[in-house]
Amino acid sequence: MDEAPGVLKLLAYDGAMTQHSPSISGLPPAEVSISLDLVRELIQTQAPRWAGEQISYVATGWDNEVYRLGDDLIIRLPRRELGDTIGRSERQWLPKLVEETGLNIATELFCGVPTATYPFAFSVTRYVPGRSAATLDRPARNDYAVELAGYLRRLHRPASEPWPVSSYRGCPLSGLDEKTGGQISLLPSRQRASALKLWREAVHAPVYTGQPVWIHGDPHPHNTIVSRGNQGFRLSGLVDFGDLCTGDPASDLGMAWMHFSPEVIDRFMTSYGVQNGSATWLRARGWALRYSMLTSTLEESDPLGIVGRETLDILLA
């Protein structure tokens, strides 16, 4: 990396993405049709300085589709209204996050406006080569456990104001109790009792009473970009800040179960500063259960679906 020590460059890459076609089992249905011709038209009419660059489809995510623009840029286009809302939130809050944490985050270079043929704003941002950590197996992901813990420590700075907030990230788990109970009831019968026990321990753990900190909101392996180094895979950065909010850091820490092997989760937590069995650890494990149930329903070949199902097995073994 050519960054100064301790500074990570975030890749302009969409989270929760897959290389399959836009119609993907487990993803929310698209509310708008996006084609290569449409993307070319939007660039030619709104950003003509890049009209001569090659444009190619990359992937489809929960909320966005992503296209390469030449060698150095990507275009992110909402495929549903929630993606448009997330984009506005990123544009509003990412500069504040950069100011308060000192992280070097790749903000957008250009924001396109809705048209008669496409109803949402779209963005052009930097592309930095790397690969989704969800495409690695767990032993390879273990390489960057300490780096990810350090990154999250730098990210989890107290916010100057307790805003933005989320009703499904960084919030008290008690507010998600009914919904989570319904999700647990849909698990295979062999997993339900263990899942309910784990969830009850998380909900009844002491709540977070510290100052709200900045939270990525969705730092799963598919939102984690890595590159191969001399001693295994190195963390390049987290991407897709659509769920950026403030609150309980346990919300982000729960992703450790999605990234790492059981023996390395403790290494990650210890490096971050959390003890096994502590209130923060218990709440984080509750968040891990929620994340794994959400992603486990993705199609069989989807990398994040595989991660989700593996995580359930680890949590409920």
Protein backbone atom coordinates (compact mmCIF):
# COMPACT_ATOMS: atom_id res chain seq x y z
CA MET A 1 0.00 0.00 0.00
CA ASP A 2 1.14 3.52 -0.74
CA GLU A 3 -0.78 5.05 2.13
CA ALA A 4 0.79 6.53 5.25
CA PRO A 5 0.83 4.04 8.14
CA GLY A 6 -2.53 3.68 9.80
CA VAL A 7 -4.46 5.28 6.93
CA LEU A 8 -6.64 3.04 4.79
CA LYS A 9 -8.01 3.96 1.41
CA LEU A 10 -11.58 2.79 0.99
CA LEU A 11 -12.42 1.25 -2.32
CA ALA A 12 -15.26 2.59 -4.41
CA TYR A 13 -16.97 -0.75 -4.60
CA ASP A 14 -20.53 -1.79 -3.80
CA GLY A 15 -21.32 -4.03 -0.87
CA ALA A 16 -23.30 -7.27 -0.80
CA MET A 17 -22.57 -7.80 -4.46
CA THR A 18 -22.54 -10.86 -6.62
CA GLN A 19 -21.29 -11.59 -10.09
CA HIS A 20 -24.58 -13.14 -11.15
CA SER A 21 -27.27 -11.53 -13.29
CA PRO A 22 -29.45 -8.73 -11.86
CA SER A 23 -32.28 -11.20 -11.13
CA ILE A 24 -30.90 -12.97 -8.07
CA SER A 25 -32.62 -15.23 -5.60
CA GLY A 26 -32.64 -13.74 -2.11
CA LEU A 27 -32.14 -10.12 -3.17
CA PRO A 28 -34.94 -7.55 -3.01
CA PRO A 29 -36.62 -7.11 -6.41
CA ALA A 30 -35.40 -4.22 -8.55
CA GLU A 31 -37.76 -1.26 -8.87
CA VAL A 32 -36.14 0.06 -12.03
CA SER A 33 -34.54 -1.55 -15.06
CA ILE A 34 -30.88 -0.65 -15.60
CA SER A 35 -29.12 -1.54 -18.84
CA LEU A 36 -25.70 -0.85 -20.31
CA ASP A 37 -27.32 1.46 -22.87
CA LEU A 38 -28.99 3.44 -20.09
CA VAL A 39 -25.73 3.82 -18.19
CA ARG A 40 -23.93 5.00 -21.34
CA GLU A 41 -26.70 7.54 -21.97
CA LEU A 42 -26.48 8.90 -18.42
CA ILE A 43 -22.70 9.36 -18.65
CA GLN A 44 -22.82 10.88 -22.13
CA THR A 45 -25.46 13.45 -21.21
CA GLN A 46 -24.43 14.29 -17.64
CA ALA A 47 -20.71 13.53 -17.43
CA PRO A 48 -19.40 13.92 -20.99
CA ARG A 49 -15.80 14.16 -19.78
CA TRP A 50 -15.98 10.36 -19.36
CA ALA A 51 -18.08 9.67 -22.46
CA GLY A 52 -15.10 8.07 -24.25
CA GLU A 53 -14.35 5.61 -21.45
CA GLN A 54 -15.34 1.96 -21.68
CA ILE A 55 -18.33 1.02 -19.51
CA SER A 56 -18.96 -2.55 -18.37
CA TYR A 57 -21.31 -4.27 -15.93
CA VAL A 58 -19.70 -5.42 -12.67
CA ALA A 59 -22.32 -6.63 -10.22
CA THR A 60 -25.73 -6.32 -8.59
CA GLY A 61 -26.18 -5.63 -4.88
CA TRP A 62 -29.08 -5.33 -2.48
CA ASP A 63 -29.70 -1.71 -3.38
CA ASN A 64 -27.41 -0.82 -6.31
CA GLU A 65 -25.95 -1.98 -9.60
CA VAL A 66 -22.31 -1.22 -10.32
CA TYR A 67 -20.49 -0.60 -13.60
CA ARG A 68 -16.82 0.00 -14.36
CA LEU A 69 -15.99 3.32 -16.00
CA GLY A 70 -12.62 3.06 -17.66
CA ASP A 71 -9.75 1.72 -15.53
CA ASP A 72 -10.04 3.98 -12.51
CA LEU A 73 -13.72 4.64 -11.75
CA ILE A 74 -17.01 2.93 -11.05
CA ILE A 75 -20.63 4.01 -11.44
CA ARG A 76 -23.10 3.07 -8.73
CA LEU A 77 -26.79 3.24 -9.65
CA PRO A 78 -29.66 2.55 -7.23
CA ARG A 79 -31.89 -0.31 -8.36
CA ARG A 80 -34.59 0.60 -5.85
CA GLU A 81 -35.69 3.65 -3.89
CA LEU A 82 -33.89 2.56 -0.74
CA GLY A 83 -30.61 2.70 -2.65
CA ASP A 84 -31.37 6.30 -3.56
CA THR A 85 -32.08 7.10 0.10
CA ILE A 86 -28.83 5.43 1.14
CA GLY A 87 -26.92 7.45 -1.44
CA ARG A 88 -28.26 10.70 -0.03
CA SER A 89 -27.29 9.60 3.48
CA GLU A 90 -23.74 8.81 2.37
CA ARG A 91 -23.37 12.20 0.69
CA GLN A 92 -24.60 13.92 3.85
CA TRP A 93 -22.64 12.03 6.50
CA LEU A 94 -19.44 10.68 4.96
CA PRO A 95 -17.70 14.09 5.04
CA LYS A 96 -18.57 14.37 8.75
CA LEU A 97 -17.18 10.88 9.38
CA VAL A 98 -13.93 11.75 7.62
CA GLU A 99 -13.65 14.95 9.66
CA GLU A 100 -14.15 13.22 13.00
CA THR A 101 -12.20 9.98 12.44
CA GLY A 102 -9.42 11.02 10.07
CA LEU A 103 -10.08 8.01 7.85
CA ASN A 104 -9.32 8.43 4.16
CA ILE A 105 -12.65 7.49 2.59
CA ALA A 106 -13.28 7.62 -1.14
CA THR A 107 -16.23 9.96 -1.50
CA GLU A 108 -17.99 10.45 -4.81
CA LEU A 109 -16.41 12.43 -7.65
CA PHE A 110 -19.66 13.12 -9.45
CA CYS A 111 -23.37 12.89 -8.61
CA GLY A 112 -25.79 12.41 -11.48
CA VAL A 113 -29.39 13.58 -11.30
CA PRO A 114 -32.64 11.75 -12.10
CA THR A 115 -33.93 11.87 -15.67
CA ALA A 116 -37.10 10.96 -17.53
CA THR A 117 -35.72 7.45 -18.08
CA TYR A 118 -34.01 6.90 -14.72
CA PRO A 119 -35.61 8.17 -11.48
CA PHE A 120 -32.64 8.16 -9.06
CA ALA A 121 -29.39 10.00 -8.45
CA PHE A 122 -26.27 8.00 -9.31
CA SER A 123 -22.62 8.38 -8.38
CA VAL A 124 -19.17 8.09 -9.90
CA THR A 125 -16.38 7.19 -7.47
CA ARG A 126 -12.81 5.87 -7.48
CA TYR A 127 -12.08 2.25 -8.20
CA VAL A 128 -9.12 0.69 -6.43
CA PRO A 129 -8.22 -2.91 -7.33
CA GLY A 130 -8.91 -5.52 -4.70
CA ARG A 131 -11.19 -8.45 -4.05
CA SER A 132 -14.17 -9.09 -1.82
CA ALA A 133 -13.16 -10.97 1.31
CA ALA A 134 -16.32 -13.06 0.90
CA THR A 135 -14.60 -14.81 -2.01
CA LEU A 136 -11.96 -16.19 0.40
CA ASP A 137 -12.37 -19.13 2.75
CA ARG A 138 -12.25 -18.47 6.48
CA PRO A 139 -8.63 -19.53 7.03
CA ALA A 140 -7.54 -16.92 4.47
CA ARG A 141 -9.78 -14.27 6.05
CA ASN A 142 -8.12 -14.92 9.41
CA ASP A 143 -5.02 -13.14 8.06
CA TYR A 144 -6.51 -9.66 8.46
CA ALA A 145 -8.30 -10.10 11.82
CA VAL A 146 -6.02 -7.76 13.78
CA GLU A 147 -6.04 -5.19 10.98
CA LEU A 148 -9.84 -5.14 10.89
CA ALA A 149 -9.98 -4.73 14.67
CA GLY A 150 -7.62 -1.76 14.41
CA TYR A 151 -9.62 -0.23 11.60
CA LEU A 152 -12.85 -0.47 13.58
CA ARG A 153 -11.18 1.07 16.65
CA ARG A 154 -10.30 4.08 14.50
CA LEU A 155 -13.79 4.20 13.03
CA HIS A 156 -15.61 3.87 16.35
CA ARG A 157 -14.84 7.39 17.54
CA PRO A 158 -17.46 9.18 19.62
CA ALA A 159 -19.66 11.23 17.32
CA SER A 160 -19.90 14.93 18.09
CA GLU A 161 -23.67 14.58 17.80
CA PRO A 162 -25.72 11.38 18.25
CA TRP A 163 -26.84 11.46 14.62
CA PRO A 164 -27.55 9.73 12.27
CA VAL A 165 -29.33 6.92 14.07
CA SER A 166 -30.77 3.66 12.79
CA SER A 167 -33.63 1.46 13.93
CA TYR A 168 -31.79 -1.69 12.80
CA ARG A 169 -28.07 -0.95 13.36
CA GLY A 170 -26.34 0.19 16.56
CA CYS A 171 -29.60 0.32 18.49
CA PRO A 172 -30.69 -1.59 21.62
CA LEU A 173 -31.37 -5.22 20.71
CA SER A 174 -34.61 -5.16 22.69
CA GLY A 175 -36.17 -3.09 19.92
CA LEU A 176 -35.49 -5.96 17.50
CA ASP A 177 -36.68 -8.74 19.78
CA GLU A 178 -40.03 -9.46 18.13
CA LYS A 179 -38.63 -9.39 14.61
CA THR A 180 -35.67 -11.58 15.53
CA GLY A 181 -37.93 -14.08 17.25
CA GLY A 182 -39.88 -14.41 14.03
CA GLN A 183 -36.67 -15.02 12.08
CA ILE A 184 -35.55 -17.67 14.57
CA SER A 185 -38.86 -19.48 14.14
CA LEU A 186 -38.02 -19.94 10.46
CA LEU A 187 -34.71 -21.67 11.15
CA PRO A 188 -34.41 -25.46 10.83
CA SER A 189 -35.80 -27.11 13.96
CA ARG A 190 -32.36 -28.39 14.98
CA GLN A 191 -31.10 -24.79 15.30
CA ARG A 192 -34.01 -22.98 16.93
CA ALA A 193 -33.32 -23.76 20.59
CA SER A 194 -29.65 -22.76 20.38
CA ALA A 195 -30.51 -19.60 18.44
CA LEU A 196 -33.15 -18.58 20.96
CA LYS A 197 -30.78 -19.15 23.88
CA LEU A 198 -28.05 -17.09 22.21
CA TRP A 199 -30.50 -14.30 21.42
CA ARG A 200 -31.91 -14.18 24.95
CA GLU A 201 -28.39 -13.83 26.35
CA ALA A 202 -27.72 -10.93 23.98
CA VAL A 203 -31.00 -9.12 24.70
CA HIS A 204 -30.57 -9.47 28.45
CA ALA A 205 -26.93 -8.32 28.46
CA PRO A 206 -26.38 -4.82 29.90
CA VAL A 207 -27.18 -2.22 27.26
CA TYR A 208 -24.57 0.15 25.84
CA THR A 209 -24.46 3.35 27.90
CA GLY A 210 -21.41 5.04 26.37
CA GLN A 211 -21.38 7.97 24.00
CA PRO A 212 -22.69 6.95 20.55
CA VAL A 213 -19.82 6.15 18.22
CA TRP A 214 -19.59 6.13 14.44
CA ILE A 215 -20.63 2.74 13.06
CA HIS A 216 -20.14 1.40 9.55
CA GLY A 217 -23.34 -0.57 9.94
CA ASP A 218 -22.61 -3.42 7.53
CA PRO A 219 -18.92 -4.47 7.64
CA HIS A 220 -19.48 -8.02 6.42
CA PRO A 221 -16.91 -9.84 4.24
CA HIS A 222 -18.51 -8.67 0.98
CA ASN A 223 -18.05 -5.07 2.12
CA THR A 224 -14.43 -5.78 3.00
CA ILE A 225 -11.81 -5.43 0.27
CA VAL A 226 -8.47 -7.19 0.64
CA SER A 227 -5.27 -7.66 -1.33
CA ARG A 228 -2.63 -10.36 -1.15
CA GLY A 229 0.50 -9.40 0.76
CA ASN A 230 3.73 -11.18 1.65
CA GLN A 231 2.09 -12.80 4.69
CA GLY A 232 -1.41 -13.53 3.48
CA PHE A 233 -4.30 -11.22 2.72
CA ARG A 234 -4.17 -7.63 3.94
CA LEU A 235 -7.08 -5.33 4.63
CA SER A 236 -7.51 -2.59 2.03
CA GLY A 237 -10.60 -1.11 3.60
CA LEU A 238 -14.35 -1.26 4.17
CA VAL A 239 -16.79 -0.08 1.52
CA ASP A 240 -20.47 0.74 1.15
CA PHE A 241 -21.31 3.16 3.96
CA GLY A 242 -25.04 3.08 3.20
CA ASP A 243 -25.83 1.98 6.77
CA LEU A 244 -23.53 4.54 8.39
CA CYS A 245 -24.95 5.58 11.75
CA THR A 246 -24.03 6.17 15.38
CA GLY A 247 -24.67 3.99 18.40
CA ASP A 248 -23.41 0.77 20.03
CA PRO A 249 -20.12 -0.51 18.53
CA ALA A 250 -21.24 -4.11 19.21
CA SER A 251 -23.35 -3.76 16.08
CA ASP A 252 -20.19 -3.73 13.93
CA LEU A 253 -18.25 -6.16 16.10
CA GLY A 254 -20.83 -8.87 15.50
CA MET A 255 -19.44 -9.21 12.00
CA ALA A 256 -16.37 -10.95 13.47
CA TRP A 257 -18.37 -14.19 13.44
CA MET A 258 -19.01 -13.72 9.72
CA HIS A 259 -15.36 -13.07 8.92
CA PHE A 260 -13.25 -15.40 11.02
CA SER A 261 -12.76 -18.93 12.32
CA PRO A 262 -13.91 -19.51 15.93
CA GLU A 263 -10.39 -19.48 17.36
CA VAL A 264 -9.59 -16.18 15.63
CA ILE A 265 -12.76 -14.38 16.73
CA ASP A 266 -11.26 -14.11 20.23
CA ARG A 267 -8.03 -12.74 18.73
CA PHE A 268 -10.04 -10.09 16.90
CA MET A 269 -12.05 -9.17 19.99
CA THR A 270 -9.00 -9.04 22.25
CA SER A 271 -7.18 -6.83 19.76
CA TYR A 272 -10.17 -4.50 19.65
CA GLY A 273 -10.38 -4.50 23.47
CA VAL A 274 -13.40 -6.70 24.21
CA GLN A 275 -13.27 -9.69 26.58
CA ASN A 276 -14.96 -12.99 25.82
CA GLY A 277 -18.27 -13.19 27.69
CA SER A 278 -18.49 -9.45 28.43
CA ALA A 279 -21.68 -7.49 27.81
CA THR A 280 -20.28 -6.08 24.56
CA TRP A 281 -19.26 -9.59 23.45
CA LEU A 282 -22.74 -10.95 24.18
CA ARG A 283 -24.46 -8.13 22.31
CA ALA A 284 -22.06 -8.54 19.38
CA ARG A 285 -22.90 -12.24 19.20
CA GLY A 286 -26.59 -11.32 19.08
CA TRP A 287 -25.91 -9.02 16.14
CA ALA A 288 -23.97 -11.85 14.48
CA LEU A 289 -27.04 -14.06 14.72
CA ARG A 290 -29.17 -11.42 13.03
CA TYR A 291 -26.65 -10.87 10.22
CA SER A 292 -26.22 -14.58 9.57
CA MET A 293 -29.97 -15.24 9.44
CA LEU A 294 -30.41 -12.36 7.00
CA THR A 295 -27.70 -13.53 4.60
CA SER A 296 -28.23 -17.29 4.92
CA THR A 297 -31.28 -17.07 2.64
CA LEU A 298 -29.24 -15.90 -0.36
CA GLU A 299 -28.86 -18.39 -3.17
CA GLU A 300 -26.58 -21.38 -2.78
CA SER A 301 -23.71 -20.03 -4.89
CA ASP A 302 -23.77 -16.46 -3.58
CA PRO A 303 -20.57 -15.80 -1.59
CA LEU A 304 -22.40 -13.86 1.11
CA GLY A 305 -25.04 -16.58 1.35
CA ILE A 306 -22.28 -19.12 1.94
CA VAL A 307 -20.79 -16.86 4.63
CA GLY A 308 -24.18 -16.51 6.32
CA ARG A 309 -24.83 -20.24 6.47
CA GLU A 310 -21.32 -20.96 7.75
CA THR A 311 -21.77 -18.33 10.42
CA LEU A 312 -25.04 -19.87 11.62
CA ASP A 313 -23.30 -23.22 11.94
CA ILE A 314 -20.48 -21.64 13.97
CA LEU A 315 -22.81 -19.70 16.25
CA LEU A 316 -25.20 -22.58 16.88
CA ALA A 317 -22.77 -25.50 17.04
